[in-house]
């Protein structure tokens, strides 16, 4: 993550000429010589990992651009929704969540 909250992506150059080995777009490792000429990933796991990484990066970038923020009802901490915490997060940490639970429990006559 950069200072502006935008994710930093590692770009890998793929060479198609005979000057060097072709590299995987996901991990940067060399592709097998027997791989198809259209192959860009070394294996299915690497392709899936790359796809998930790009999807998360896109979601984070969109969340930062949207600028939607939320605040913790317990301590008042503010965060960008979908970047620092999950979209469904209510509290900023488990400590605040537990503190709120203990407060509710004491209000309603719990032990």
PDB file of N, CA and C in Angstrom:
ATOM      1  N   UNK A   1       0.837  -1.170   0.000  1.00  0.00           N
ATOM      2  CA  UNK A   1       0.000   0.000   0.000  1.00  0.00           C
ATOM      3  C   UNK A   1       0.886   1.238   0.000  1.00  0.00           C
ATOM      4  N   UNK A   2       0.518   2.181  -0.794  1.00  0.00           N
ATOM      5  CA  UNK A   2       1.242   3.434  -0.831  1.00  0.00           C
ATOM      6  C   UNK A   2       0.702   4.403   0.205  1.00  0.00           C
ATOM      7  N   UNK A   3       1.298   5.560   0.281  1.00  0.00           N
ATOM      8  CA  UNK A   3       0.861   6.567   1.247  1.00  0.00           C
ATOM      9  C   UNK A   3      -0.549   7.063   0.970  1.00  0.00           C
ATOM     10  N   UNK A   4      -0.944   7.061  -0.303  1.00  0.00           N
ATOM     11  CA  UNK A   4      -2.277   7.532  -0.662  1.00  0.00           C
ATOM     12  C   UNK A   4      -3.352   6.459  -0.496  1.00  0.00           C
ATOM     13  N   UNK A   5      -2.973   5.263  -0.061  1.00  0.00           N
ATOM     14  CA  UNK A   5      -3.929   4.188   0.146  1.00  0.00           C
ATOM     15  C   UNK A   5      -4.136   3.312  -1.069  1.00  0.00           C
ATOM     16  N   UNK A   6      -3.576   3.707  -2.216  1.00  0.00           N
ATOM     17  CA  UNK A   6      -3.718   2.912  -3.434  1.00  0.00           C
ATOM     18  C   UNK A   6      -2.721   1.761  -3.393  1.00  0.00           C
ATOM     19  N   UNK A   7      -3.148   0.570  -3.793  1.00  0.00           N
ATOM     20  CA  UNK A   7      -2.239  -0.569  -3.763  1.00  0.00           C
ATOM     21  C   UNK A   7      -1.143  -0.445  -4.813  1.00  0.00           C
ATOM     22  N   UNK A   8       0.026  -0.919  -4.479  1.00  0.00           N
ATOM     23  CA  UNK A   8       1.154  -0.939  -5.407  1.00  0.00           C
ATOM     24  C   UNK A   8       1.175  -2.301  -6.086  1.00  0.00           C
ATOM     25  N   UNK A   9       1.202  -2.308  -7.390  1.00  0.00           N
ATOM     26  CA  UNK A   9       1.185  -3.546  -8.145  1.00  0.00           C
ATOM     27  C   UNK A   9       2.558  -3.822  -8.731  1.00  0.00           C
ATOM     28  N   UNK A  10       2.960  -5.081  -8.707  1.00  0.00           N
ATOM     29  CA  UNK A  10       4.224  -5.495  -9.294  1.00  0.00           C
ATOM     30  C   UNK A  10       3.952  -5.882 -10.745  1.00  0.00           C
ATOM     31  N   UNK A  11       4.590  -5.196 -11.658  1.00  0.00           N
ATOM     32  CA  UNK A  11       4.410  -5.499 -13.073  1.00  0.00           C
ATOM     33  C   UNK A  11       5.556  -6.381 -13.543  1.00  0.00           C
ATOM     34  N   UNK A  12       5.224  -7.397 -14.289  1.00  0.00           N
ATOM     35  CA  UNK A  12       6.222  -8.320 -14.815  1.00  0.00           C
ATOM     36  C   UNK A  12       6.198  -8.256 -16.326  1.00  0.00           C
ATOM     37  N   UNK A  13       7.346  -8.078 -16.932  1.00  0.00           N
ATOM     38  CA  UNK A  13       7.449  -8.001 -18.381  1.00  0.00           C
ATOM     39  C   UNK A  13       7.568  -9.419 -18.933  1.00  0.00           C
ATOM     40  N   UNK A  14       6.793  -9.714 -19.963  1.00  0.00           N
ATOM     41  CA  UNK A  14       6.835 -11.026 -20.604  1.00  0.00           C
ATOM     42  C   UNK A  14       7.522 -10.865 -21.951  1.00  0.00           C
ATOM     43  N   UNK A  15       8.590 -11.617 -22.150  1.00  0.00           N
ATOM     44  CA  UNK A  15       9.298 -11.537 -23.418  1.00  0.00           C
ATOM     45  C   UNK A  15       8.811 -12.649 -24.330  1.00  0.00           C
ATOM     46  N   UNK A  16       8.505 -12.283 -25.558  1.00  0.00           N
ATOM     47  CA  UNK A  16       8.024 -13.256 -26.527  1.00  0.00           C
ATOM     48  C   UNK A  16       9.101 -13.639 -27.540  1.00  0.00           C
ATOM     49  N   UNK A  17      10.231 -12.963 -27.483  1.00  0.00           N
ATOM     50  CA  UNK A  17      11.258 -13.267 -28.475  1.00  0.00           C
ATOM     51  C   UNK A  17      12.209 -14.349 -27.957  1.00  0.00           C
ATOM     52  N   UNK A  18      13.163 -14.725 -28.766  1.00  0.00           N
ATOM     53  CA  UNK A  18      14.089 -15.792 -28.427  1.00  0.00           C
ATOM     54  C   UNK A  18      15.257 -15.304 -27.565  1.00  0.00           C
ATOM     55  N   UNK A  19      15.235 -14.048 -27.129  1.00  0.00           N
ATOM     56  CA  UNK A  19      16.354 -13.511 -26.354  1.00  0.00           C
ATOM     57  C   UNK A  19      16.372 -14.014 -24.915  1.00  0.00           C
ATOM     58  N   UNK A  20      15.287 -14.526 -24.422  1.00  0.00           N
ATOM     59  CA  UNK A  20      15.265 -15.012 -23.053  1.00  0.00           C
ATOM     60  C   UNK A  20      14.035 -15.844 -22.792  1.00  0.00           C
ATOM     61  N   UNK A  21      13.944 -16.391 -21.596  1.00  0.00           N
ATOM     62  CA  UNK A  21      12.777 -17.226 -21.283  1.00  0.00           C
ATOM     63  C   UNK A  21      11.528 -16.380 -21.106  1.00  0.00           C
ATOM     64  N   UNK A  22      10.409 -16.961 -21.458  1.00  0.00           N
ATOM     65  CA  UNK A  22       9.141 -16.285 -21.213  1.00  0.00           C
ATOM     66  C   UNK A  22       8.857 -16.393 -19.726  1.00  0.00           C
ATOM     67  N   UNK A  23       8.301 -15.325 -19.145  1.00  0.00           N
ATOM     68  CA  UNK A  23       8.060 -15.290 -17.714  1.00  0.00           C
ATOM     69  C   UNK A  23       6.575 -15.326 -17.405  1.00  0.00           C
ATOM     70  N   UNK A  24       6.252 -15.921 -16.260  1.00  0.00           N
ATOM     71  CA  UNK A  24       4.870 -16.009 -15.794  1.00  0.00           C
ATOM     72  C   UNK A  24       4.395 -14.624 -15.394  1.00  0.00           C
ATOM     73  N   UNK A  25       3.190 -14.263 -15.782  1.00  0.00           N
ATOM     74  CA  UNK A  25       2.621 -12.961 -15.458  1.00  0.00           C
ATOM     75  C   UNK A  25       2.299 -12.858 -13.964  1.00  0.00           C
ATOM     76  N   UNK A  26       2.067 -13.972 -13.301  1.00  0.00           N
ATOM     77  CA  UNK A  26       1.711 -13.954 -11.884  1.00  0.00           C
ATOM     78  C   UNK A  26       2.893 -13.933 -10.951  1.00  0.00           C
ATOM     79  N   UNK A  27       3.788 -14.899 -11.086  1.00  0.00           N
ATOM     80  CA  UNK A  27       4.890 -15.028 -10.126  1.00  0.00           C
ATOM     81  C   UNK A  27       6.228 -14.552 -10.672  1.00  0.00           C
ATOM     82  N   UNK A  28       6.345 -14.385 -11.971  1.00  0.00           N
ATOM     83  CA  UNK A  28       7.591 -13.931 -12.562  1.00  0.00           C
ATOM     84  C   UNK A  28       8.574 -15.049 -12.864  1.00  0.00           C
ATOM     85  N   UNK A  29       8.201 -16.268 -12.563  1.00  0.00           N
ATOM     86  CA  UNK A  29       9.058 -17.416 -12.846  1.00  0.00           C
ATOM     87  C   UNK A  29       9.019 -17.772 -14.322  1.00  0.00           C
ATOM     88  N   UNK A  30      10.013 -18.519 -14.784  1.00  0.00           N
ATOM     89  CA  UNK A  30      10.042 -18.889 -16.204  1.00  0.00           C
ATOM     90  C   UNK A  30       8.960 -19.909 -16.548  1.00  0.00           C
ATOM     91  N   UNK A  31       8.422 -19.782 -17.746  1.00  0.00           N
ATOM     92  CA  UNK A  31       7.463 -20.767 -18.246  1.00  0.00           C
ATOM     93  C   UNK A  31       8.225 -21.956 -18.797  1.00  0.00           C
ATOM     94  N   UNK A  32       7.602 -23.094 -18.764  1.00  0.00           N
ATOM     95  CA  UNK A  32       8.233 -24.306 -19.306  1.00  0.00           C
ATOM     96  C   UNK A  32       8.387 -24.164 -20.812  1.00  0.00           C
ATOM     97  N   UNK A  33       9.460 -24.685 -21.374  1.00  0.00           N
ATOM     98  CA  UNK A  33       9.635 -24.615 -22.829  1.00  0.00           C
ATOM     99  C   UNK A  33       8.518 -25.315 -23.592  1.00  0.00           C
ATOM    100  N   UNK A  34       7.899 -26.308 -22.957  1.00  0.00           N
ATOM    101  CA  UNK A  34       6.827 -27.048 -23.625  1.00  0.00           C
ATOM    102  C   UNK A  34       5.473 -26.332 -23.523  1.00  0.00           C
ATOM    103  N   UNK A  35       5.404 -25.184 -22.870  1.00  0.00           N
ATOM    104  CA  UNK A  35       4.140 -24.464 -22.717  1.00  0.00           C
ATOM    105  C   UNK A  35       3.683 -23.914 -24.069  1.00  0.00           C
ATOM    106  N   UNK A  36       2.378 -23.763 -24.223  1.00  0.00           N
ATOM    107  CA  UNK A  36       1.827 -23.211 -25.453  1.00  0.00           C
ATOM    108  C   UNK A  36       2.382 -21.814 -25.688  1.00  0.00           C
ATOM    109  N   UNK A  37       2.359 -21.384 -26.908  1.00  0.00           N
ATOM    110  CA  UNK A  37       2.877 -20.059 -27.234  1.00  0.00           C
ATOM    111  C   UNK A  37       1.987 -18.954 -26.683  1.00  0.00           C
ATOM    112  N   UNK A  38       0.728 -19.287 -26.382  1.00  0.00           N
ATOM    113  CA  UNK A  38      -0.193 -18.293 -25.833  1.00  0.00           C
ATOM    114  C   UNK A  38      -0.227 -18.301 -24.305  1.00  0.00           C
ATOM    115  N   UNK A  39       0.494 -19.202 -23.667  1.00  0.00           N
ATOM    116  CA  UNK A  39       0.473 -19.312 -22.206  1.00  0.00           C
ATOM    117  C   UNK A  39       1.136 -18.096 -21.565  1.00  0.00           C
ATOM    118  N   UNK A  40       0.513 -17.578 -20.506  1.00  0.00           N
ATOM    119  CA  UNK A  40       1.097 -16.452 -19.777  1.00  0.00           C
ATOM    120  C   UNK A  40       1.288 -16.772 -18.297  1.00  0.00           C
ATOM    121  N   UNK A  41       0.745 -17.890 -17.815  1.00  0.00           N
ATOM    122  CA  UNK A  41       0.905 -18.303 -16.431  1.00  0.00           C
ATOM    123  C   UNK A  41       1.562 -19.677 -16.386  1.00  0.00           C
ATOM    124  N   UNK A  42       2.332 -19.924 -15.331  1.00  0.00           N
ATOM    125  CA  UNK A  42       3.047 -21.188 -15.230  1.00  0.00           C
ATOM    126  C   UNK A  42       2.134 -22.339 -14.811  1.00  0.00           C
ATOM    127  N   UNK A  43       1.101 -22.060 -14.031  1.00  0.00           N
ATOM    128  CA  UNK A  43       0.172 -23.103 -13.604  1.00  0.00           C
ATOM    129  C   UNK A  43      -1.171 -22.475 -13.222  1.00  0.00           C
ATOM    130  N   UNK A  44      -2.179 -23.308 -13.031  1.00  0.00           N
ATOM    131  CA  UNK A  44      -3.518 -22.821 -12.700  1.00  0.00           C
ATOM    132  C   UNK A  44      -3.546 -22.096 -11.360  1.00  0.00           C
ATOM    133  N   UNK A  45      -2.797 -22.592 -10.379  1.00  0.00           N
ATOM    134  CA  UNK A  45      -2.772 -21.953  -9.064  1.00  0.00           C
ATOM    135  C   UNK A  45      -2.218 -20.532  -9.169  1.00  0.00           C
ATOM    136  N   UNK A  46      -1.229 -20.343 -10.002  1.00  0.00           N
ATOM    137  CA  UNK A  46      -0.630 -19.024 -10.194  1.00  0.00           C
ATOM    138  C   UNK A  46      -1.618 -18.084 -10.900  1.00  0.00           C
ATOM    139  N   UNK A  47      -2.354 -18.599 -11.858  1.00  0.00           N
ATOM    140  CA  UNK A  47      -3.358 -17.814 -12.555  1.00  0.00           C
ATOM    141  C   UNK A  47      -4.460 -17.382 -11.595  1.00  0.00           C
ATOM    142  N   UNK A  48      -4.933 -18.297 -10.750  1.00  0.00           N
ATOM    143  CA  UNK A  48      -5.977 -17.980  -9.789  1.00  0.00           C
ATOM    144  C   UNK A  48      -5.500 -16.953  -8.763  1.00  0.00           C
ATOM    145  N   UNK A  49      -4.275 -17.120  -8.278  1.00  0.00           N
ATOM    146  CA  UNK A  49      -3.701 -16.194  -7.313  1.00  0.00           C
ATOM    147  C   UNK A  49      -3.603 -14.790  -7.900  1.00  0.00           C
ATOM    148  N   UNK A  50      -3.162 -14.711  -9.155  1.00  0.00           N
ATOM    149  CA  UNK A  50      -3.042 -13.425  -9.839  1.00  0.00           C
ATOM    150  C   UNK A  50      -4.416 -12.779 -10.020  1.00  0.00           C
ATOM    151  N   UNK A  51      -5.411 -13.561 -10.389  1.00  0.00           N
ATOM    152  CA  UNK A  51      -6.757 -13.042 -10.589  1.00  0.00           C
ATOM    153  C   UNK A  51      -7.322 -12.478  -9.284  1.00  0.00           C
ATOM    154  N   UNK A  52      -7.156 -13.233  -8.169  1.00  0.00           N
ATOM    155  CA  UNK A  52      -7.644 -12.756  -6.875  1.00  0.00           C
ATOM    156  C   UNK A  52      -6.918 -11.486  -6.444  1.00  0.00           C
ATOM    157  N   UNK A  53      -5.625 -11.419  -6.656  1.00  0.00           N
ATOM    158  CA  UNK A  53      -4.828 -10.243  -6.294  1.00  0.00           C
ATOM    159  C   UNK A  53      -5.307  -9.019  -7.079  1.00  0.00           C
ATOM    160  N   UNK A  54      -5.548  -9.173  -8.369  1.00  0.00           N
ATOM    161  CA  UNK A  54      -6.010  -8.054  -9.194  1.00  0.00           C
ATOM    162  C   UNK A  54      -7.423  -7.622  -8.806  1.00  0.00           C
ATOM    163  N   UNK A  55      -8.288  -8.584  -8.469  1.00  0.00           N
ATOM    164  CA  UNK A  55      -9.649  -8.255  -8.067  1.00  0.00           C
ATOM    165  C   UNK A  55      -9.645  -7.453  -6.770  1.00  0.00           C
ATOM    166  N   UNK A  56      -8.818  -7.877  -5.785  1.00  0.00           N
ATOM    167  CA  UNK A  56      -8.709  -7.143  -4.522  1.00  0.00           C
ATOM    168  C   UNK A  56      -8.142  -5.752  -4.738  1.00  0.00           C
ATOM    169  N   UNK A  57      -7.138  -5.643  -5.592  1.00  0.00           N
ATOM    170  CA  UNK A  57      -6.533  -4.337  -5.857  1.00  0.00           C
ATOM    171  C   UNK A  57      -7.536  -3.385  -6.499  1.00  0.00           C
ATOM    172  N   UNK A  58      -8.333  -3.894  -7.418  1.00  0.00           N
ATOM    173  CA  UNK A  58      -9.341  -3.061  -8.077  1.00  0.00           C
ATOM    174  C   UNK A  58     -10.399  -2.608  -7.070  1.00  0.00           C
ATOM    175  N   UNK A  59     -10.844  -3.508  -6.199  1.00  0.00           N
ATOM    176  CA  UNK A  59     -11.850  -3.159  -5.196  1.00  0.00           C
ATOM    177  C   UNK A  59     -11.315  -2.104  -4.233  1.00  0.00           C
ATOM    178  N   UNK A  60     -10.054  -2.250  -3.821  1.00  0.00           N
ATOM    179  CA  UNK A  60      -9.461  -1.265  -2.918  1.00  0.00           C
ATOM    180  C   UNK A  60      -9.328   0.098  -3.587  1.00  0.00           C
ATOM    181  N   UNK A  61      -8.911   0.106  -4.838  1.00  0.00           N
ATOM    182  CA  UNK A  61      -8.761   1.361  -5.565  1.00  0.00           C
ATOM    183  C   UNK A  61     -10.111   2.065  -5.697  1.00  0.00           C
ATOM    184  N   UNK A  62     -11.159   1.316  -6.031  1.00  0.00           N
ATOM    185  CA  UNK A  62     -12.488   1.898  -6.153  1.00  0.00           C
ATOM    186  C   UNK A  62     -12.990   2.427  -4.811  1.00  0.00           C
ATOM    187  N   UNK A  63     -12.671   1.713  -3.719  1.00  0.00           N
ATOM    188  CA  UNK A  63     -13.097   2.159  -2.396  1.00  0.00           C
ATOM    189  C   UNK A  63     -12.404   3.462  -2.009  1.00  0.00           C
ATOM    190  N   UNK A  64     -11.122   3.586  -2.333  1.00  0.00           N
ATOM    191  CA  UNK A  64     -10.393   4.820  -2.021  1.00  0.00           C
ATOM    192  C   UNK A  64     -10.945   5.974  -2.845  1.00  0.00           C
ATOM    193  N   UNK A  65     -11.238   5.723  -4.124  1.00  0.00           N
ATOM    194  CA  UNK A  65     -11.795   6.776  -4.976  1.00  0.00           C
ATOM    195  C   UNK A  65     -13.169   7.219  -4.489  1.00  0.00           C
ATOM    196  N   UNK A  66     -13.986   6.260  -4.033  1.00  0.00           N
ATOM    197  CA  UNK A  66     -15.324   6.588  -3.541  1.00  0.00           C
ATOM    198  C   UNK A  66     -15.253   7.387  -2.248  1.00  0.00           C
ATOM    199  N   UNK A  67     -14.239   7.122  -1.434  1.00  0.00           N
ATOM    200  CA  UNK A  67     -14.035   7.875  -0.206  1.00  0.00           C
ATOM    201  C   UNK A  67     -15.089   7.641   0.863  1.00  0.00           C
ATOM    202  N   UNK A  68     -15.743   6.489   0.853  1.00  0.00           N
ATOM    203  CA  UNK A  68     -16.753   6.178   1.859  1.00  0.00           C
ATOM    204  C   UNK A  68     -16.033   5.790   3.153  1.00  0.00           C
ATOM    205  N   UNK A  69     -16.389   6.460   4.234  1.00  0.00           N
ATOM    206  CA  UNK A  69     -15.754   6.174   5.512  1.00  0.00           C
ATOM    207  C   UNK A  69     -16.793   5.700   6.520  1.00  0.00           C
ATOM    208  N   UNK A  70     -16.310   5.033   7.555  1.00  0.00           N
ATOM    209  CA  UNK A  70     -17.149   4.585   8.655  1.00  0.00           C
ATOM    210  C   UNK A  70     -16.426   4.917   9.949  1.00  0.00           C
ATOM    211  N   UNK A  71     -17.178   4.985  11.034  1.00  0.00           N
ATOM    212  CA  UNK A  71     -16.550   5.261  12.320  1.00  0.00           C
ATOM    213  C   UNK A  71     -17.012   4.236  13.347  1.00  0.00           C
ATOM    214  N   UNK A  72     -16.137   3.948  14.282  1.00  0.00           N
ATOM    215  CA  UNK A  72     -16.402   2.980  15.339  1.00  0.00           C
ATOM    216  C   UNK A  72     -17.333   3.617  16.363  1.00  0.00           C
ATOM    217  N   UNK A  73     -18.464   2.975  16.689  1.00  0.00           N
ATOM    218  CA  UNK A  73     -19.377   3.553  17.674  1.00  0.00           C
ATOM    219  C   UNK A  73     -18.807   3.526  19.092  1.00  0.00           C
ATOM    220  N   UNK A  74     -17.780   2.740  19.326  1.00  0.00           N
ATOM    221  CA  UNK A  74     -17.207   2.624  20.659  1.00  0.00           C
ATOM    222  C   UNK A  74     -16.139   3.681  20.926  1.00  0.00           C
ATOM    223  N   UNK A  75     -15.165   3.817  20.010  1.00  0.00           N
ATOM    224  CA  UNK A  75     -14.046   4.740  20.256  1.00  0.00           C
ATOM    225  C   UNK A  75     -14.005   5.915  19.291  1.00  0.00           C
ATOM    226  N   UNK A  76     -14.757   5.852  18.192  1.00  0.00           N
ATOM    227  CA  UNK A  76     -14.802   6.957  17.249  1.00  0.00           C
ATOM    228  C   UNK A  76     -13.740   6.921  16.165  1.00  0.00           C
ATOM    229  N   UNK A  77     -12.964   5.857  16.074  1.00  0.00           N
ATOM    230  CA  UNK A  77     -11.943   5.745  15.023  1.00  0.00           C
ATOM    231  C   UNK A  77     -12.613   5.720  13.649  1.00  0.00           C
ATOM    232  N   UNK A  78     -11.970   6.350  12.662  1.00  0.00           N
ATOM    233  CA  UNK A  78     -12.524   6.445  11.310  1.00  0.00           C
ATOM    234  C   UNK A  78     -11.651   5.640  10.354  1.00  0.00           C
ATOM    235  N   UNK A  79     -12.270   4.901   9.412  1.00  0.00           N
ATOM    236  CA  UNK A  79     -11.528   4.143   8.412  1.00  0.00           C
ATOM    237  C   UNK A  79     -12.261   4.189   7.082  1.00  0.00           C
ATOM    238  N   UNK A  80     -11.535   3.881   5.995  1.00  0.00           N
ATOM    239  CA  UNK A  80     -12.117   3.818   4.656  1.00  0.00           C
ATOM    240  C   UNK A  80     -12.753   2.448   4.484  1.00  0.00           C
ATOM    241  N   UNK A  81     -14.004   2.438   4.147  1.00  0.00           N
ATOM    242  CA  UNK A  81     -14.752   1.190   4.012  1.00  0.00           C
ATOM    243  C   UNK A  81     -14.186   0.379   2.855  1.00  0.00           C
ATOM    244  N   UNK A  82     -13.891  -0.883   3.107  1.00  0.00           N
ATOM    245  CA  UNK A  82     -13.400  -1.784   2.082  1.00  0.00           C
ATOM    246  C   UNK A  82     -11.894  -1.768   1.914  1.00  0.00           C
ATOM    247  N   UNK A  83     -11.168  -0.895   2.602  1.00  0.00           N
ATOM    248  CA  UNK A  83      -9.721  -0.845   2.486  1.00  0.00           C
ATOM    249  C   UNK A  83      -9.079  -1.292   3.786  1.00  0.00           C
ATOM    250  N   UNK A  84      -9.320  -0.560   4.847  1.00  0.00           N
ATOM    251  CA  UNK A  84      -8.726  -0.888   6.136  1.00  0.00           C
ATOM    252  C   UNK A  84      -9.472  -2.011   6.850  1.00  0.00           C
ATOM    253  N   UNK A  85     -10.755  -2.057   6.675  1.00  0.00           N
ATOM    254  CA  UNK A  85     -11.605  -3.062   7.314  1.00  0.00           C
ATOM    255  C   UNK A  85     -12.556  -3.624   6.259  1.00  0.00           C
ATOM    256  N   UNK A  86     -13.270  -4.674   6.631  1.00  0.00           N
ATOM    257  CA  UNK A  86     -14.276  -5.235   5.742  1.00  0.00           C
ATOM    258  C   UNK A  86     -15.409  -4.237   5.534  1.00  0.00           C
ATOM    259  N   UNK A  87     -16.159  -4.407   4.474  1.00  0.00           N
ATOM    260  CA  UNK A  87     -17.290  -3.530   4.188  1.00  0.00           C
ATOM    261  C   UNK A  87     -18.338  -3.637   5.290  1.00  0.00           C
ATOM    262  N   UNK A  88     -18.492  -4.823   5.869  1.00  0.00           N
ATOM    263  CA  UNK A  88     -19.511  -5.049   6.892  1.00  0.00           C
ATOM    264  C   UNK A  88     -19.029  -4.747   8.307  1.00  0.00           C
ATOM    265  N   UNK A  89     -17.815  -4.227   8.480  1.00  0.00           N
ATOM    266  CA  UNK A  89     -17.261  -3.982   9.817  1.00  0.00           C
ATOM    267  C   UNK A  89     -18.021  -2.874  10.529  1.00  0.00           C
ATOM    268  N   UNK A  90     -18.315  -3.093  11.795  1.00  0.00           N
ATOM    269  CA  UNK A  90     -18.983  -2.104  12.620  1.00  0.00           C
ATOM    270  C   UNK A  90     -17.983  -1.470  13.574  1.00  0.00           C
ATOM    271  N   UNK A  91     -17.147  -2.285  14.192  1.00  0.00           N
ATOM    272  CA  UNK A  91     -16.156  -1.808  15.151  1.00  0.00           C
ATOM    273  C   UNK A  91     -14.766  -1.835  14.517  1.00  0.00           C
ATOM    274  N   UNK A  92     -13.875  -1.003  15.042  1.00  0.00           N
ATOM    275  CA  UNK A  92     -12.534  -0.900  14.460  1.00  0.00           C
ATOM    276  C   UNK A  92     -11.628  -2.055  14.868  1.00  0.00           C
ATOM    277  N   UNK A  93     -11.916  -2.710  15.976  1.00  0.00           N
ATOM    278  CA  UNK A  93     -11.061  -3.810  16.438  1.00  0.00           C
ATOM    279  C   UNK A  93     -11.879  -4.764  17.289  1.00  0.00           C
ATOM    280  N   UNK A  94     -11.292  -5.902  17.586  1.00  0.00           N
ATOM    281  CA  UNK A  94     -11.987  -6.863  18.444  1.00  0.00           C
ATOM    282  C   UNK A  94     -12.079  -6.325  19.867  1.00  0.00           C
ATOM    283  N   UNK A  95     -11.111  -5.507  20.288  1.00  0.00           N
ATOM    284  CA  UNK A  95     -11.168  -4.927  21.623  1.00  0.00           C
ATOM    285  C   UNK A  95     -12.394  -4.015  21.769  1.00  0.00           C
ATOM    286  N   UNK A  96     -12.670  -3.186  20.755  1.00  0.00           N
ATOM    287  CA  UNK A  96     -13.856  -2.317  20.792  1.00  0.00           C
ATOM    288  C   UNK A  96     -15.139  -3.135  20.736  1.00  0.00           C
ATOM    289  N   UNK A  97     -15.145  -4.190  19.952  1.00  0.00           N
ATOM    290  CA  UNK A  97     -16.326  -5.052  19.862  1.00  0.00           C
ATOM    291  C   UNK A  97     -16.615  -5.688  21.214  1.00  0.00           C
ATOM    292  N   UNK A  98     -15.574  -6.184  21.908  1.00  0.00           N
ATOM    293  CA  UNK A  98     -15.752  -6.795  23.227  1.00  0.00           C
ATOM    294  C   UNK A  98     -16.176  -5.759  24.261  1.00  0.00           C
ATOM    295  N   UNK A  99     -15.584  -4.569  24.199  1.00  0.00           N
ATOM    296  CA  UNK A  99     -15.940  -3.501  25.126  1.00  0.00           C
ATOM    297  C   UNK A  99     -17.416  -3.126  24.972  1.00  0.00           C
ATOM    298  N   UNK A 100     -17.901  -3.054  23.742  1.00  0.00           N
ATOM    299  CA  UNK A 100     -19.309  -2.729  23.488  1.00  0.00           C
ATOM    300  C   UNK A 100     -20.221  -3.840  24.003  1.00  0.00           C
ATOM    301  N   UNK A 101     -19.803  -5.080  23.822  1.00  0.00           N
ATOM    302  CA  UNK A 101     -20.601  -6.204  24.309  1.00  0.00           C
ATOM    303  C   UNK A 101     -20.716  -6.153  25.829  1.00  0.00           C
ATOM    304  N   UNK A 102     -19.595  -5.887  26.516  1.00  0.00           N
ATOM    305  CA  UNK A 102     -19.621  -5.808  27.980  1.00  0.00           C
ATOM    306  C   UNK A 102     -20.496  -4.648  28.452  1.00  0.00           C
ATOM    307  N   UNK A 103     -20.453  -3.532  27.720  1.00  0.00           N
ATOM    308  CA  UNK A 103     -21.294  -2.379  28.054  1.00  0.00           C
ATOM    309  C   UNK A 103     -22.772  -2.725  27.897  1.00  0.00           C
ATOM    310  N   UNK A 104     -23.143  -3.363  26.792  1.00  0.00           N
ATOM    311  CA  UNK A 104     -24.545  -3.765  26.580  1.00  0.00           C
ATOM    312  C   UNK A 104     -24.986  -4.769  27.627  1.00  0.00           C
ATOM    313  N   UNK A 105     -24.119  -5.686  27.964  1.00  0.00           N
ATOM    314  CA  UNK A 105     -24.435  -6.704  28.936  1.00  0.00           C
ATOM    315  C   UNK A 105     -24.699  -6.092  30.318  1.00  0.00           C
ATOM    316  N   UNK A 106     -23.887  -5.093  30.687  1.00  0.00           N
ATOM    317  CA  UNK A 106     -24.057  -4.427  31.982  1.00  0.00           C
ATOM    318  C   UNK A 106     -25.344  -3.595  32.008  1.00  0.00           C
ATOM    319  N   UNK A 107     -25.715  -2.997  30.885  1.00  0.00           N
ATOM    320  CA  UNK A 107     -26.924  -2.174  30.819  1.00  0.00           C
ATOM    321  C   UNK A 107     -28.189  -2.989  31.011  1.00  0.00           C
ATOM    322  N   UNK A 108     -28.197  -4.205  30.499  1.00  0.00           N
ATOM    323  CA  UNK A 108     -29.403  -5.027  30.541  1.00  0.00           C
ATOM    324  C   UNK A 108     -29.397  -6.021  31.701  1.00  0.00           C
ATOM    325  N   UNK A 109     -28.610  -5.752  32.729  1.00  0.00           N
ATOM    326  CA  UNK A 109     -28.646  -6.564  33.944  1.00  0.00           C
ATOM    327  C   UNK A 109     -27.925  -7.885  33.856  1.00  0.00           C
ATOM    328  N   UNK A 110     -26.971  -7.998  32.969  1.00  0.00           N
ATOM    329  CA  UNK A 110     -26.192  -9.229  32.873  1.00  0.00           C
ATOM    330  C   UNK A 110     -25.164  -9.302  33.998  1.00  0.00           C
ATOM    331  N   UNK A 111     -24.477 -10.380  34.053  1.00  0.00           N
ATOM    332  CA  UNK A 111     -23.469 -10.575  35.085  1.00  0.00           C
ATOM    333  C   UNK A 111     -22.214  -9.817  34.788  1.00  0.00           C
TER     334      UNK A 111
END
